[in-house]
N, C-alpha and C. Protein backbone atom coordinates (compact mmCIF):
# COMPACT_ATOMS: atom_id res chain seq x y z
N MET A 1 0.82 -0.97 -0.08
CA MET A 1 0.01 -0.22 0.29
C MET A 1 0.90 1.19 -0.28
N THR A 2 0.55 2.06 -1.00
CA THR A 2 1.12 3.39 -1.12
C THR A 2 0.87 4.00 0.05
N LEU A 3 1.07 5.08 0.51
CA LEU A 3 0.51 6.09 1.90
C LEU A 3 0.54 7.83 0.48
N GLY A 4 -0.71 7.94 0.73
CA GLY A 4 -1.41 9.13 0.39
C GLY A 4 -1.63 8.79 -0.78
N THR A 5 -2.23 7.82 -1.11
CA THR A 5 -2.95 7.11 -1.95
C THR A 5 -4.02 6.95 -2.04
N ARG A 6 -5.13 7.74 -1.16
CA ARG A 6 -6.25 7.00 -0.84
C ARG A 6 -7.08 7.52 -1.91
N THR A 7 -7.41 8.20 -2.70
CA THR A 7 -7.69 9.14 -4.06
C THR A 7 -7.45 8.72 -5.50
N CYS A 8 -6.31 7.80 -5.14
CA CYS A 8 -5.39 7.32 -6.23
C CYS A 8 -6.43 6.38 -6.81
N GLY A 9 -6.72 5.86 -8.39
CA GLY A 9 -6.77 5.44 -9.19
C GLY A 9 -6.89 3.71 -8.82
N THR A 10 -7.05 2.92 -9.31
CA THR A 10 -6.79 1.09 -9.53
C THR A 10 -5.96 1.02 -10.61
N SER A 11 -5.81 1.93 -11.07
CA SER A 11 -4.91 1.53 -12.71
C SER A 11 -3.28 0.96 -12.05
N ASP A 12 -2.92 -0.22 -12.75
CA ASP A 12 -1.14 -0.07 -12.54
C ASP A 12 -0.41 0.45 -13.21
N ASP A 13 -1.27 1.46 -13.87
CA ASP A 13 -0.10 2.25 -14.45
C ASP A 13 0.30 3.54 -13.91
N HIS A 14 1.54 3.65 -12.96
CA HIS A 14 1.88 4.33 -12.44
C HIS A 14 3.11 4.30 -11.41
N PRO A 15 4.06 4.55 -11.15
CA PRO A 15 5.46 4.25 -10.72
C PRO A 15 5.47 3.65 -9.21
N ASP A 16 4.28 2.77 -8.83
CA ASP A 16 4.36 2.34 -7.43
C ASP A 16 5.20 3.09 -6.63
N VAL A 17 5.34 3.89 -6.41
CA VAL A 17 6.01 5.09 -5.08
C VAL A 17 5.27 5.00 -3.93
N PRO A 18 6.04 4.73 -2.83
CA PRO A 18 5.69 4.13 -1.76
C PRO A 18 4.89 4.91 -1.01
N ILE A 19 4.92 6.65 -1.01
CA ILE A 19 5.16 7.36 0.02
C ILE A 19 4.69 8.79 -1.64
N ARG A 20 3.61 9.34 -1.57
CA ARG A 20 3.55 10.69 -2.10
C ARG A 20 4.50 11.38 -2.15
N PRO A 21 4.69 11.95 -3.08
CA PRO A 21 6.36 13.49 -2.86
C PRO A 21 5.64 14.21 -1.82
N PRO A 22 4.82 14.92 -1.74
CA PRO A 22 4.18 15.44 -0.57
C PRO A 22 4.34 15.84 0.64
N LEU A 23 3.76 13.97 1.36
CA LEU A 23 4.31 13.71 2.37
C LEU A 23 5.48 14.03 2.66
N LEU A 24 6.65 13.25 1.85
CA LEU A 24 7.73 13.15 2.47
C LEU A 24 8.35 14.92 2.32
N LEU A 25 7.74 15.38 1.77
CA LEU A 25 7.80 17.44 2.19
C LEU A 25 7.58 17.62 3.58
N LEU A 26 6.35 17.16 3.82
CA LEU A 26 5.59 17.45 5.06
C LEU A 26 5.76 16.70 6.36
N GLY A 27 6.52 16.11 5.86
CA GLY A 27 7.03 15.03 7.00
C GLY A 27 8.32 15.81 7.70
N ALA A 28 9.31 15.88 6.75
CA ALA A 28 10.60 16.69 6.49
C ALA A 28 10.46 17.96 7.58
N LEU A 29 8.82 18.77 7.07
CA LEU A 29 8.91 20.38 7.59
C LEU A 29 8.68 19.79 8.82
N ALA A 30 7.67 18.62 9.21
CA ALA A 30 7.43 18.33 10.90
C ALA A 30 8.51 18.49 12.10
N ALA A 31 9.01 17.09 11.32
CA ALA A 31 10.18 16.52 12.17
C ALA A 31 11.11 17.55 12.39
N GLY A 32 11.32 18.55 11.36
CA GLY A 32 12.76 19.90 11.84
C GLY A 32 11.92 20.77 12.59
N PHE A 33 10.75 20.78 12.38
CA PHE A 33 10.29 22.01 13.72
C PHE A 33 10.07 21.63 14.97
N LEU A 34 9.80 20.53 14.72
CA LEU A 34 9.27 19.76 15.98
C LEU A 34 10.68 19.20 16.50
N LEU A 35 11.50 18.83 16.50
CA LEU A 35 12.59 18.49 16.75
C LEU A 35 13.32 20.09 17.37
N ASN A 36 13.16 20.87 16.58
CA ASN A 36 13.79 22.51 17.05
C ASN A 36 13.01 22.89 18.07
N ALA A 37 12.46 22.46 18.43
CA ALA A 37 11.41 23.27 19.49
C ALA A 37 11.80 22.41 20.90
N LEU A 38 11.97 20.78 20.29
CA LEU A 38 11.88 19.77 21.63
C LEU A 38 13.65 20.48 22.30
N TRP A 39 14.44 20.45 21.41
CA TRP A 39 15.84 20.34 20.83
C TRP A 39 16.65 22.00 20.44
N PRO A 40 16.17 23.00 20.52
CA PRO A 40 17.06 24.23 19.47
C PRO A 40 18.09 24.36 19.01
N LEU A 41 18.40 24.28 18.05
CA LEU A 41 19.33 24.41 17.36
C LEU A 41 19.39 25.41 16.41
N ALA A 42 20.06 26.48 16.17
CA ALA A 42 20.02 27.43 15.70
C ALA A 42 20.85 27.80 14.56
N LEU A 43 20.17 27.80 13.17
CA LEU A 43 21.38 27.64 12.00
C LEU A 43 22.21 28.77 11.86
N LEU A 44 21.89 30.33 12.61
CA LEU A 44 22.28 31.10 12.41
C LEU A 44 22.49 31.85 13.81
N PRO A 45 23.48 32.57 13.44
CA PRO A 45 23.80 33.42 14.99
C PRO A 45 23.05 33.88 15.76
N GLY A 46 22.80 34.19 16.73
CA GLY A 46 22.18 35.06 17.82
C GLY A 46 21.63 36.16 17.17
N ASP A 47 22.41 36.86 16.51
CA ASP A 47 22.48 38.26 16.41
C ASP A 47 22.47 38.65 14.75
N ALA A 48 21.75 37.90 14.42
CA ALA A 48 21.27 37.35 13.08
C ALA A 48 19.69 39.01 12.79
N SER A 49 20.31 39.11 12.29
CA SER A 49 19.13 40.27 12.04
C SER A 49 17.71 38.80 11.74
N PRO A 50 16.42 39.80 12.08
CA PRO A 50 15.24 38.63 11.51
C PRO A 50 14.76 39.28 9.68
N LEU A 51 15.16 40.20 9.60
CA LEU A 51 15.14 41.60 8.37
C LEU A 51 15.54 40.32 7.59
N VAL A 52 17.46 39.49 7.38
CA VAL A 52 17.84 39.38 7.03
C VAL A 52 17.70 38.05 6.54
N ARG A 53 16.82 36.99 7.75
CA ARG A 53 16.60 35.86 8.01
C ARG A 53 15.22 35.72 7.24
N PHE A 54 14.24 36.44 7.52
CA PHE A 54 13.20 36.64 6.66
C PHE A 54 13.70 36.75 5.08
N ALA A 55 14.03 38.03 4.78
CA ALA A 55 14.17 38.16 3.48
C ALA A 55 15.18 37.00 2.96
N LEU A 56 15.99 36.74 3.27
CA LEU A 56 16.47 35.37 2.68
C LEU A 56 15.60 33.95 2.53
N GLY A 57 15.52 33.75 3.67
CA GLY A 57 14.41 33.42 3.90
C GLY A 57 12.87 32.78 3.00
N GLY A 58 12.59 33.94 2.79
CA GLY A 58 11.45 34.09 2.21
C GLY A 58 11.64 33.96 0.47
N GLY A 59 12.58 34.44 0.51
CA GLY A 59 13.16 34.29 -1.13
C GLY A 59 13.64 32.79 -1.34
N LEU A 60 13.82 32.41 -1.14
CA LEU A 60 14.25 30.94 -1.10
C LEU A 60 12.92 29.90 -1.04
N LEU A 61 11.69 30.11 -0.32
CA LEU A 61 10.95 29.93 -0.09
C LEU A 61 10.12 30.12 -1.21
N THR A 62 10.00 31.20 -1.93
CA THR A 62 8.91 31.38 -2.34
C THR A 62 9.77 31.69 -3.66
N LEU A 63 11.14 30.55 -4.53
CA LEU A 63 11.76 29.98 -5.42
C LEU A 63 11.15 28.47 -5.34
N GLY A 64 10.64 28.06 -4.25
CA GLY A 64 10.81 26.30 -4.09
C GLY A 64 9.71 26.51 -4.90
N LEU A 65 8.87 27.15 -4.15
CA LEU A 65 6.84 27.64 -4.60
C LEU A 65 6.76 28.09 -5.71
N ALA A 66 7.84 28.24 -6.41
CA ALA A 66 7.98 28.85 -8.22
C ALA A 66 7.84 27.67 -8.71
N LEU A 67 8.71 27.11 -8.38
CA LEU A 67 9.63 25.69 -8.84
C LEU A 67 8.76 24.43 -8.88
N VAL A 68 7.43 24.42 -8.51
CA VAL A 68 6.71 23.51 -8.01
C VAL A 68 5.52 24.31 -8.83
N GLY A 69 5.50 25.25 -8.43
CA GLY A 69 3.78 25.68 -9.43
C GLY A 69 4.22 25.89 -10.80
N ILE A 70 5.11 26.32 -11.54
CA ILE A 70 6.05 26.18 -13.12
C ILE A 70 5.87 25.10 -13.59
N ALA A 71 6.79 23.71 -12.61
CA ALA A 71 6.58 22.62 -13.32
C ALA A 71 5.40 21.74 -13.44
N GLY A 72 4.65 22.17 -11.72
CA GLY A 72 2.67 21.97 -12.49
C GLY A 72 2.22 22.27 -13.40
N LEU A 73 3.03 23.72 -13.49
CA LEU A 73 1.87 24.13 -14.75
C LEU A 73 2.55 23.33 -16.35
N GLN A 74 3.70 23.10 -16.45
CA GLN A 74 4.31 22.05 -18.09
C GLN A 74 3.40 20.62 -17.33
N PHE A 75 3.09 20.46 -16.48
CA PHE A 75 2.47 19.10 -16.84
C PHE A 75 0.89 19.19 -17.47
N ARG A 76 0.59 20.38 -16.74
CA ARG A 76 -0.98 20.18 -17.39
C ARG A 76 -1.04 20.65 -19.06
N ARG A 77 0.11 22.16 -18.82
CA ARG A 77 0.28 21.82 -20.55
C ARG A 77 0.96 20.95 -21.63
N ALA A 78 1.26 20.37 -20.94
CA ALA A 78 1.56 19.07 -21.48
C ALA A 78 0.50 17.30 -21.80
N GLY A 79 -0.59 17.74 -20.98
CA GLY A 79 -1.80 17.06 -21.04
C GLY A 79 -1.66 15.73 -19.95
N THR A 80 -0.64 15.95 -18.99
CA THR A 80 -0.02 14.68 -18.16
C THR A 80 -0.57 14.91 -16.39
N ASN A 81 -0.55 13.52 -16.04
CA ASN A 81 -0.49 13.62 -15.07
C ASN A 81 0.61 14.22 -13.78
N ILE A 82 0.48 14.74 -12.80
CA ILE A 82 1.03 14.97 -11.92
C ILE A 82 1.63 14.05 -10.34
N ARG A 83 0.45 13.72 -10.58
CA ARG A 83 0.53 12.30 -9.17
C ARG A 83 0.82 10.88 -9.51
N THR A 84 1.50 10.90 -8.49
CA THR A 84 2.69 9.82 -8.72
C THR A 84 1.15 8.44 -8.97
N CYS A 85 0.70 8.61 -8.59
CA CYS A 85 -0.30 7.42 -8.38
C CYS A 85 -1.14 7.56 -9.31
N ASP A 86 -1.12 7.89 -10.56
CA ASP A 86 -1.91 8.45 -11.95
C ASP A 86 -0.94 8.15 -12.79
N PRO A 87 -1.18 7.33 -13.93
CA PRO A 87 -0.56 7.39 -15.37
C PRO A 87 0.24 8.55 -15.37
N THR A 88 1.41 8.65 -16.04
CA THR A 88 1.95 9.20 -17.17
C THR A 88 1.80 9.20 -18.51
N LEU A 89 1.09 10.42 -19.07
CA LEU A 89 0.73 10.27 -20.63
C LEU A 89 1.22 10.83 -21.18
N ASN A 90 2.10 11.56 -21.05
CA ASN A 90 3.24 12.36 -21.81
C ASN A 90 4.90 13.15 -21.05
N LEU A 91 6.07 13.02 -21.55
CA LEU A 91 7.52 13.02 -21.24
C LEU A 91 6.94 14.80 -21.26
N VAL A 92 7.38 15.21 -20.02
CA VAL A 92 7.44 16.43 -20.29
C VAL A 92 9.50 17.03 -19.98
N ILE A 93 9.65 17.36 -22.00
CA ILE A 93 10.96 17.33 -21.17
C ILE A 93 11.85 19.17 -21.70
N SER A 94 10.30 19.78 -21.51
CA SER A 94 10.51 21.52 -22.03
C SER A 94 10.95 22.26 -20.53
N GLY A 95 10.64 23.40 -20.69
CA GLY A 95 10.89 24.70 -19.60
C GLY A 95 12.12 24.09 -19.18
N LEU A 96 11.25 24.13 -17.66
CA LEU A 96 12.15 23.63 -16.68
C LEU A 96 13.09 21.83 -16.34
N TYR A 97 11.93 21.55 -17.25
CA TYR A 97 12.23 20.18 -17.28
C TYR A 97 13.86 19.92 -18.25
N ARG A 98 14.29 21.06 -19.33
CA ARG A 98 15.23 21.35 -20.09
C ARG A 98 16.62 21.35 -19.35
N PHE A 99 16.45 21.23 -17.96
CA PHE A 99 17.39 21.73 -17.06
C PHE A 99 17.36 20.62 -15.96
N SER A 100 16.49 19.98 -15.53
CA SER A 100 16.50 19.54 -14.36
C SER A 100 15.17 18.18 -14.80
N ARG A 101 15.57 16.96 -14.43
CA ARG A 101 14.65 15.75 -14.87
C ARG A 101 13.77 16.64 -13.80
N ASN A 102 13.59 16.69 -12.52
CA ASN A 102 13.04 17.02 -11.10
C ASN A 102 12.73 18.14 -10.47
N PRO A 103 12.56 18.69 -11.48
CA PRO A 103 12.36 20.33 -10.92
C PRO A 103 11.48 20.30 -9.96
N ILE A 104 10.59 19.63 -8.98
CA ILE A 104 9.86 19.36 -8.55
C ILE A 104 9.50 19.39 -6.82
N TYR A 105 11.15 18.33 -7.14
CA TYR A 105 11.88 17.80 -5.82
C TYR A 105 12.77 18.79 -5.87
N VAL A 106 13.17 19.46 -7.01
CA VAL A 106 14.00 20.49 -6.81
C VAL A 106 13.79 21.59 -5.43
N GLY A 107 12.55 21.87 -6.23
CA GLY A 107 11.86 23.33 -5.52
C GLY A 107 12.42 22.14 -4.14
N PHE A 108 11.14 21.32 -3.62
CA PHE A 108 10.71 20.99 -2.56
C PHE A 108 11.95 21.10 -1.60
N LEU A 109 13.15 20.84 -1.98
CA LEU A 109 14.13 20.83 -1.13
C LEU A 109 15.25 22.32 -1.17
N VAL A 110 14.68 23.30 -1.80
CA VAL A 110 15.03 24.80 -1.79
C VAL A 110 13.68 25.10 -0.89
N PHE A 111 12.77 24.65 -1.13
CA PHE A 111 11.44 25.40 -0.04
C PHE A 111 11.92 25.25 1.54
N VAL A 112 12.39 23.62 1.92
CA VAL A 112 13.13 23.52 2.86
C VAL A 112 14.13 23.95 3.91
N ALA A 113 15.17 24.32 2.83
CA ALA A 113 16.33 25.67 2.44
C ALA A 113 15.96 26.80 3.59
N GLY A 114 14.74 27.05 2.65
CA GLY A 114 13.95 28.44 3.28
C GLY A 114 13.07 28.53 3.67
N ALA A 115 12.73 27.24 4.62
CA ALA A 115 12.33 27.06 5.48
C ALA A 115 12.87 26.97 6.77
N ALA A 116 14.47 26.58 6.71
CA ALA A 116 15.29 26.51 7.46
C ALA A 116 16.16 28.15 8.06
N VAL A 117 16.40 29.04 6.68
CA VAL A 117 17.00 29.92 7.21
C VAL A 117 15.49 30.75 7.90
N ALA A 118 14.24 31.13 7.31
CA ALA A 118 12.95 31.49 8.02
C ALA A 118 13.14 31.57 9.29
N GLY A 119 13.11 30.20 9.66
CA GLY A 119 12.50 29.30 11.14
C GLY A 119 13.98 29.57 11.64
N ASN A 120 15.34 29.77 11.39
CA ASN A 120 16.51 29.32 12.07
C ASN A 120 16.77 28.23 12.99
N THR A 121 16.51 27.33 12.07
CA THR A 121 16.71 26.21 12.56
C THR A 121 17.94 25.03 12.20
N LEU A 122 18.46 24.60 12.77
CA LEU A 122 19.47 23.87 12.13
C LEU A 122 18.88 22.19 11.39
N TRP A 123 18.22 22.52 12.34
CA TRP A 123 17.19 20.74 12.02
C TRP A 123 16.82 20.08 10.77
N LEU A 124 16.53 21.11 10.45
CA LEU A 124 15.83 21.92 8.61
C LEU A 124 17.38 21.20 7.52
N VAL A 125 17.90 21.86 7.99
CA VAL A 125 19.28 21.41 7.31
C VAL A 125 19.67 20.15 7.52
N ILE A 126 19.35 19.92 8.54
CA ILE A 126 20.22 17.88 9.09
C ILE A 126 18.97 17.54 8.22
N ALA A 127 17.58 17.42 7.99
CA ALA A 127 16.69 16.77 7.58
C ALA A 127 16.49 16.77 5.74
N LEU A 128 17.55 18.32 4.78
CA LEU A 128 17.19 18.17 3.23
C LEU A 128 18.28 16.70 3.17
N PRO A 129 19.58 16.82 3.55
CA PRO A 129 19.43 15.26 2.89
C PRO A 129 18.94 13.96 3.23
N LEU A 130 18.35 14.22 4.37
CA LEU A 130 17.82 12.83 4.35
C LEU A 130 16.30 13.05 3.13
N LEU A 131 16.10 14.33 3.25
CA LEU A 131 14.70 13.89 2.22
C LEU A 131 15.56 14.30 0.87
N ALA A 132 15.84 14.71 0.74
CA ALA A 132 16.28 14.05 -0.85
C ALA A 132 16.76 12.90 -0.83
N LEU A 133 17.58 12.09 -0.35
CA LEU A 133 18.01 10.25 -0.12
C LEU A 133 16.22 9.86 -0.51
N ALA A 134 15.71 10.26 0.33
CA ALA A 134 14.25 10.14 0.60
C ALA A 134 13.62 9.95 -0.90
N LEU A 135 13.28 10.72 -0.98
CA LEU A 135 12.86 11.41 -2.65
C LEU A 135 13.41 11.07 -3.93
N ARG A 136 14.83 10.26 -3.41
CA ARG A 136 15.73 10.24 -4.62
C ARG A 136 15.40 8.50 -4.94
N TYR A 137 15.57 7.20 -3.40
CA TYR A 137 15.07 6.30 -3.90
C TYR A 137 13.71 5.68 -3.70
N ALA A 138 13.10 6.54 -3.03
CA ALA A 138 11.73 5.87 -2.86
C ALA A 138 10.51 6.45 -3.54
N VAL A 139 11.32 7.28 -4.58
CA VAL A 139 10.13 8.26 -5.89
C VAL A 139 10.64 8.13 -6.64
N ILE A 140 11.85 8.82 -6.68
CA ILE A 140 12.64 9.19 -8.29
C ILE A 140 13.12 7.78 -9.20
N ALA A 141 13.78 6.96 -8.35
CA ALA A 141 14.08 5.75 -8.70
C ALA A 141 13.13 4.74 -9.27
N ARG A 142 11.40 4.44 -9.04
CA ARG A 142 10.64 4.04 -9.21
C ARG A 142 9.84 4.75 -10.71
N GLU A 143 9.63 6.29 -10.55
CA GLU A 143 9.62 6.91 -11.41
C GLU A 143 10.47 6.19 -12.24
N GLU A 144 12.03 6.79 -12.52
CA GLU A 144 13.07 6.85 -13.74
C GLU A 144 12.33 4.68 -14.19
N ARG A 145 12.38 3.67 -13.43
CA ARG A 145 12.21 3.02 -13.97
C ARG A 145 10.55 2.91 -14.97
N TYR A 146 9.79 3.53 -14.47
CA TYR A 146 8.25 2.98 -15.00
C TYR A 146 8.41 4.26 -16.01
N LEU A 147 9.00 5.21 -16.43
CA LEU A 147 9.42 6.13 -17.25
C LEU A 147 10.02 5.19 -18.30
N GLU A 148 10.96 4.74 -18.09
CA GLU A 148 11.85 3.98 -18.89
C GLU A 148 11.17 2.99 -19.29
N ALA A 149 10.35 2.23 -19.24
CA ALA A 149 9.42 1.06 -19.89
C ALA A 149 8.19 1.76 -20.26
N LYS A 150 7.94 2.94 -20.14
CA LYS A 150 6.73 3.29 -20.55
C LYS A 150 7.13 4.06 -22.01
N PHE A 151 8.38 4.32 -22.03
CA PHE A 151 8.30 5.37 -23.00
C PHE A 151 10.02 5.31 -23.57
N GLY A 152 10.56 3.73 -23.24
CA GLY A 152 11.60 3.59 -24.14
C GLY A 152 12.71 4.01 -24.06
N ASP A 153 13.37 4.53 -25.47
CA ASP A 153 14.59 5.31 -25.41
C ASP A 153 14.17 6.07 -25.70
N THR A 154 13.33 7.06 -26.01
CA THR A 154 13.13 8.36 -25.62
C THR A 154 13.10 8.53 -24.63
N TYR A 155 12.48 8.37 -23.64
CA TYR A 155 12.83 8.63 -22.24
C TYR A 155 14.32 8.49 -21.83
N ARG A 156 14.95 7.48 -22.33
CA ARG A 156 16.85 7.36 -21.97
C ARG A 156 17.39 8.25 -23.02
N ARG A 157 17.06 9.15 -24.14
CA ARG A 157 17.35 9.91 -24.59
C ARG A 157 17.26 11.26 -24.02
N TYR A 158 16.58 10.88 -23.26
CA TYR A 158 16.13 12.19 -22.21
C TYR A 158 16.95 12.11 -21.42
N LYS A 159 17.11 11.44 -20.73
CA LYS A 159 17.90 11.05 -19.13
C LYS A 159 19.88 11.08 -19.41
N GLN A 160 19.66 11.42 -20.71
CA GLN A 160 21.67 10.84 -21.16
C GLN A 160 21.77 12.93 -20.74
N GLN A 161 20.81 13.34 -21.72
CA GLN A 161 20.77 15.08 -21.78
C GLN A 161 20.57 15.86 -20.33
N VAL A 162 19.77 15.32 -19.83
CA VAL A 162 19.26 16.19 -18.97
C VAL A 162 19.51 15.58 -17.26
N ARG A 163 20.16 16.55 -16.63
CA ARG A 163 20.78 16.15 -14.78
C ARG A 163 19.59 16.04 -14.60
N ARG A 164 19.68 14.79 -13.30
CA ARG A 164 18.22 14.41 -12.47
C ARG A 164 18.15 15.61 -11.38
N TRP A 165 19.20 16.16 -10.91
CA TRP A 165 18.91 17.36 -10.13
C TRP A 165 19.09 18.48 -10.71
N LEU A 166 19.78 18.87 -11.15
CA LEU A 166 20.80 20.02 -11.92
C LEU A 166 21.19 20.07 -12.77
């Protein structure tokens, strides 16, 4: 059973990821802020200006949301599904996808970095590589196998031309 797929269809035409990526993002954020509430670990020195913290953190949060939003619009324009429990109908290889095969997941990581700076918590910085590993092995690996099986050489050529992250 895949976590977070209550509303997904019964089709087998999907990458069969064990947990929906937004849940991984929310889990990383929740864990980081919970740990910070229990054992505060500041990311920036105590004399760091809140204005600087919120400006830099807010910029990263905005950039992360923008990456996710733009990539989502590109999925819609391509006429394909974004949820990992739905079939991929078309490959998206233009726009942000010319630079990264996973701009949504890059956006997730940038968003967590922004939350770390804005919230001044080292715990979210510690959560970043854990989130990246979970995305890489629990989600992206399965998506890549699925896309290779579904789109064959077209996807393999795309994989050779565009990096996984950046």
